[in-house]
Amino acid sequence: MGIPWLGRTCGRCRFCLRGQENLCDEPGFTGYTLDGGYAEYTVSFAAYSFPLAPTLDPVGTAPLLCAGLIGYRALRLAGKAQRLGIYGFGAAAHILAQVARWQGRRLFAFTRPGDRDAQDFARALGCEWAGGSDQLPPESLDAAIIFAPVGELVPRALEAVDKGGTVVAGGIHMSDIPSFPYRILWGERLLRSVANLTRGDGEDFLALAAQIPVRTRTRTYPLERANEALADLREGRLQGAAVLVP
């Protein structure tokens, strides 16, 4: 069974009752408010777990249940955008790029300025352009998804999208967003965030990931080196996803 970030919901608040369980007032999150995110064995609520084929590689599958799911929800909120920008090319982005390319979208990747390795990685996964987050793409975008938790990227992404475009903030946390001129929001541009996921997102994404199929790039760490994995993630030393192995 696959256990996602959303471990349970109350089922009775106004959000749950109208099909927005990702916004539940009393949720439970795996490894945060529910025990088991960093354990060899755990107990999960069956209704919030996803059946996985026993033949699947657990290391290669693990990123799908977190980075993959939040990336897929962010892609849904980006609508039918054909020219899609991705800010921060890490675990979620390298999965999302495979889905978006399979859907026939055009991809533009934004990395830390000067990070040629990440830009080459993005191009290898089908991005037709890759550059620094301090650059504008060669043409206006229909939507942009921000995975890097850097608030200053919000106005940059708004400048990169065309009129009527959407900017989706895909992280749980982000540094403060600086003030920006109204002109880069004007033109019916939309700025929105992603909060968690629904079970429907998980079911749809896992079926799609098997159909494509999505291939993850991973680096494993023993559990006792979890802090090293987090440091590598913060410093941009990872291509793909880090996976902790108990």
Protein backbone atom coordinates (compact mmCIF):
# COMPACT_ATOMS: atom_id res chain seq x y z
CA MET A 1 0.00 0.00 0.00
CA GLY A 2 1.09 3.54 -0.69
CA ILE A 3 0.62 6.10 2.09
CA PRO A 4 0.37 9.73 0.95
CA TRP A 5 0.82 13.01 2.84
CA LEU A 6 -2.93 13.30 3.48
CA GLY A 7 -3.45 10.59 6.09
CA ARG A 8 -7.06 11.28 7.06
CA THR A 9 -9.80 13.94 7.06
CA CYS A 10 -12.72 14.60 9.37
CA GLY A 11 -15.40 13.99 6.74
CA ARG A 12 -17.81 16.46 8.33
CA CYS A 13 -16.48 20.00 7.90
CA ARG A 14 -17.83 22.22 5.13
CA PHE A 15 -14.81 21.50 2.93
CA CYS A 16 -15.08 17.72 3.20
CA LEU A 17 -18.83 17.87 2.57
CA ARG A 18 -18.36 19.78 -0.68
CA GLY A 19 -15.59 17.53 -2.03
CA GLN A 20 -12.59 19.64 -0.99
CA GLU A 21 -11.07 17.24 1.52
CA ASN A 22 -7.63 18.71 0.82
CA LEU A 23 -8.84 21.80 2.73
CA CYS A 24 -10.24 19.82 5.70
CA ASP A 25 -10.35 21.74 8.99
CA GLU A 26 -9.10 18.72 10.99
CA PRO A 27 -6.74 16.76 8.72
CA GLY A 28 -4.05 14.26 9.60
CA PHE A 29 -0.71 14.34 7.78
CA THR A 30 1.66 11.40 7.52
CA GLY A 31 4.92 11.98 9.36
CA TYR A 32 3.70 15.31 10.73
CA THR A 33 0.53 14.94 12.78
CA LEU A 34 0.31 11.17 12.20
CA ASP A 35 3.16 8.84 13.18
CA GLY A 36 4.88 6.74 10.58
CA GLY A 37 6.49 8.94 7.96
CA TYR A 38 10.01 7.94 9.06
CA ALA A 39 9.49 4.33 10.07
CA GLU A 40 10.08 0.83 8.75
CA TYR A 41 6.52 -0.14 9.67
CA THR A 42 3.44 1.99 10.12
CA VAL A 43 -0.34 1.83 10.39
CA SER A 44 -2.48 3.87 8.00
CA PHE A 45 -6.17 4.43 7.39
CA ALA A 46 -7.17 2.06 4.59
CA ALA A 47 -9.50 4.62 2.99
CA TYR A 48 -6.57 7.03 2.57
CA SER A 49 -4.04 4.51 1.25
CA PHE A 50 -3.47 3.50 -2.36
CA PRO A 51 -3.05 -0.10 -3.51
CA LEU A 52 0.26 -0.66 -5.31
CA ALA A 53 1.36 -3.63 -7.38
CA PRO A 54 3.73 -5.83 -5.34
CA THR A 55 6.15 -5.89 -8.28
CA LEU A 56 6.79 -2.14 -8.12
CA ASP A 57 10.21 -0.94 -6.97
CA PRO A 58 9.54 0.75 -3.61
CA VAL A 59 12.39 3.25 -4.00
CA GLY A 60 11.31 4.33 -7.47
CA THR A 61 7.66 4.49 -6.44
CA ALA A 62 8.09 6.46 -3.19
CA PRO A 63 8.48 9.90 -4.86
CA LEU A 64 5.19 9.43 -6.69
CA LEU A 65 3.29 9.42 -3.39
CA CYS A 66 4.48 12.87 -2.31
CA ALA A 67 6.27 14.93 -4.94
CA GLY A 68 4.29 13.28 -7.72
CA LEU A 69 0.91 13.84 -6.12
CA ILE A 70 1.42 17.51 -5.25
CA GLY A 71 2.92 18.11 -8.69
CA TYR A 72 -0.09 16.52 -10.35
CA ARG A 73 -2.53 18.66 -8.36
CA ALA A 74 -0.53 21.77 -9.29
CA LEU A 75 -0.71 20.74 -12.94
CA ARG A 76 -4.48 20.36 -12.69
CA LEU A 77 -4.79 23.87 -11.26
CA ALA A 78 -2.70 25.20 -14.15
CA GLY A 79 -5.57 24.24 -16.44
CA LYS A 80 -5.00 23.38 -20.09
CA ALA A 81 -1.91 25.56 -20.45
CA GLN A 82 0.13 24.56 -23.49
CA ARG A 83 3.17 26.70 -22.66
CA LEU A 84 4.01 25.72 -19.10
CA GLY A 85 6.83 27.10 -16.97
CA ILE A 86 8.26 25.22 -13.99
CA TYR A 87 10.22 27.14 -11.33
CA GLY A 88 12.46 24.84 -9.29
CA PHE A 89 13.40 21.65 -11.11
CA GLY A 90 13.53 19.09 -8.31
CA ALA A 91 11.57 16.04 -7.21
CA ALA A 92 8.08 17.25 -8.15
CA ALA A 93 9.19 18.94 -11.36
CA HIS A 94 11.04 15.93 -12.80
CA ILE A 95 7.87 13.85 -12.38
CA LEU A 96 5.52 16.57 -13.58
CA ALA A 97 7.62 17.15 -16.70
CA GLN A 98 7.06 13.58 -17.83
CA VAL A 99 3.30 13.89 -17.35
CA ALA A 100 3.10 17.26 -19.08
CA ARG A 101 5.17 16.14 -22.06
CA TRP A 102 3.00 13.02 -22.42
CA GLN A 103 0.00 15.36 -22.52
CA GLY A 104 1.60 17.29 -25.36
CA ARG A 105 2.44 20.47 -23.47
CA ARG A 106 5.50 22.64 -24.13
CA LEU A 107 7.79 23.03 -21.13
CA PHE A 108 10.08 25.82 -19.95
CA ALA A 109 12.26 25.18 -16.87
CA PHE A 110 13.64 27.76 -14.44
CA THR A 111 16.46 26.78 -12.06
CA ARG A 112 18.83 28.56 -9.75
CA PRO A 113 20.86 31.00 -11.87
CA GLY A 114 23.92 29.25 -13.26
CA ASP A 115 22.80 25.72 -12.36
CA ARG A 116 23.74 24.12 -15.68
CA ASP A 117 23.38 20.56 -14.37
CA ALA A 118 19.73 21.15 -13.41
CA GLN A 119 19.09 22.86 -16.74
CA ASP A 120 20.60 19.96 -18.67
CA PHE A 121 18.47 17.58 -16.58
CA ALA A 122 15.35 19.57 -17.47
CA ARG A 123 16.15 19.52 -21.18
CA ALA A 124 16.78 15.77 -21.01
CA LEU A 125 13.22 15.38 -19.70
CA GLY A 126 11.69 17.28 -22.60
CA CYS A 127 11.89 20.95 -21.64
CA GLU A 128 12.49 22.93 -24.81
CA TRP A 129 14.07 25.81 -22.88
CA ALA A 130 15.88 25.90 -19.53
CA GLY A 131 17.42 28.91 -17.86
CA GLY A 132 17.86 30.75 -14.60
CA SER A 133 14.94 31.96 -12.52
CA ASP A 134 16.23 35.50 -13.08
CA GLN A 135 15.50 35.19 -16.81
CA LEU A 136 12.35 35.56 -18.86
CA PRO A 137 11.41 32.70 -21.21
CA PRO A 138 11.75 33.21 -24.97
CA GLU A 139 7.97 33.59 -25.24
CA SER A 140 5.11 34.27 -22.86
CA LEU A 141 3.73 31.34 -20.89
CA ASP A 142 0.13 30.22 -20.45
CA ALA A 143 0.84 29.09 -16.89
CA ALA A 144 3.70 28.69 -14.44
CA ILE A 145 4.11 26.41 -11.44
CA ILE A 146 6.46 27.41 -8.63
CA PHE A 147 7.93 24.54 -6.61
CA ALA A 148 10.86 26.45 -5.11
CA PRO A 149 9.78 27.96 -1.74
CA VAL A 150 11.04 31.41 -2.74
CA GLY A 151 8.52 34.23 -2.58
CA GLU A 152 10.45 36.50 -4.94
CA LEU A 153 9.71 34.05 -7.75
CA VAL A 154 6.01 34.98 -7.67
CA PRO A 155 6.39 38.38 -9.38
CA ARG A 156 8.92 36.89 -11.78
CA ALA A 157 6.45 34.19 -12.78
CA LEU A 158 3.66 36.77 -13.15
CA GLU A 159 5.89 38.69 -15.54
CA ALA A 160 6.50 35.52 -17.54
CA VAL A 161 2.85 34.54 -18.07
CA ASP A 162 0.63 35.99 -20.75
CA LYS A 163 -2.65 37.80 -20.15
CA GLY A 164 -5.18 35.35 -18.76
CA GLY A 165 -2.37 33.14 -17.51
CA THR A 166 -2.11 31.33 -14.18
CA VAL A 167 0.68 31.17 -11.61
CA VAL A 168 0.41 28.24 -9.19
CA ALA A 169 2.40 28.19 -5.94
CA GLY A 170 2.99 24.50 -5.29
CA GLY A 171 4.71 24.50 -1.91
CA ILE A 172 3.40 24.15 1.63
CA HIS A 173 5.65 26.99 2.80
CA MET A 174 7.17 29.93 0.94
CA SER A 175 9.21 32.94 1.98
CA ASP A 176 7.43 36.29 1.94
CA ILE A 177 6.28 37.54 -1.44
CA PRO A 178 7.70 41.00 -2.15
CA SER A 179 5.46 43.82 -3.34
CA PHE A 180 5.05 44.05 -7.09
CA PRO A 181 3.44 46.44 -9.57
CA TYR A 182 -0.21 45.84 -10.35
CA ARG A 183 0.53 45.81 -14.09
CA ILE A 184 2.02 42.28 -13.89
CA LEU A 185 -1.18 40.97 -12.31
CA TRP A 186 -3.51 42.97 -14.53
CA GLY A 187 -4.86 41.31 -17.66
CA GLU A 188 -6.84 38.72 -15.70
CA ARG A 189 -3.76 36.85 -14.58
CA LEU A 190 -4.52 34.44 -11.76
CA LEU A 191 -2.32 33.69 -8.73
CA ARG A 192 -3.29 30.67 -6.64
CA SER A 193 -1.84 28.13 -4.22
CA VAL A 194 -2.01 24.35 -3.91
CA ALA A 195 -3.04 22.80 -0.60
CA ASN A 196 -2.36 19.10 -0.06
CA LEU A 197 -4.27 16.65 -2.27
CA THR A 198 -7.46 14.65 -2.52
CA ARG A 199 -7.79 10.90 -2.78
CA GLY A 200 -9.16 11.44 -6.27
CA ASP A 201 -5.89 13.16 -7.22
CA GLY A 202 -3.98 10.10 -6.01
CA GLU A 203 -6.10 7.58 -7.83
CA ASP A 204 -5.97 9.51 -11.10
CA PHE A 205 -2.27 10.26 -10.92
CA LEU A 206 -1.09 6.75 -10.03
CA ALA A 207 -3.13 5.30 -12.89
CA LEU A 208 -1.66 7.88 -15.28
CA ALA A 209 1.90 7.37 -14.00
CA ALA A 210 1.64 3.64 -14.75
CA GLN A 211 0.24 4.34 -18.22
CA ILE A 212 2.96 6.81 -19.30
CA PRO A 213 5.04 5.27 -17.50
CA VAL A 214 6.74 7.80 -15.21
CA ARG A 215 10.36 6.99 -14.33
CA THR A 216 11.79 8.65 -11.23
CA ARG A 217 15.42 9.49 -10.62
CA THR A 218 16.32 8.86 -7.00
CA ARG A 219 19.18 9.03 -4.53
CA THR A 220 18.81 6.87 -1.45
CA TYR A 221 19.91 7.73 2.08
CA PRO A 222 19.78 5.54 5.18
CA LEU A 223 17.38 6.91 7.76
CA GLU A 224 20.18 8.05 10.06
CA ARG A 225 21.38 10.40 7.27
CA ALA A 226 18.03 12.15 6.88
CA ASN A 227 19.54 15.53 7.80
CA GLU A 228 22.15 15.09 5.07
CA ALA A 229 19.36 14.44 2.56
CA LEU A 230 17.60 17.63 3.64
CA ALA A 231 20.83 19.61 3.35
CA ASP A 232 21.45 18.28 -0.17
CA LEU A 233 17.90 19.24 -1.08
CA ARG A 234 18.26 22.79 0.27
CA GLU A 235 21.59 23.32 -1.47
CA GLY A 236 20.39 22.02 -4.83
CA ARG A 237 22.74 19.04 -4.89
CA LEU A 238 20.01 16.62 -5.94
CA GLN A 239 18.68 15.78 -9.38
CA GLY A 240 15.35 14.05 -8.92
CA ALA A 241 14.20 12.87 -5.49
CA ALA A 242 15.80 11.84 -2.21
CA VAL A 243 14.45 8.62 -0.70
CA LEU A 244 15.07 7.59 2.91
CA VAL A 245 15.50 3.86 3.42
CA PRO A 246 14.81 2.59 6.99
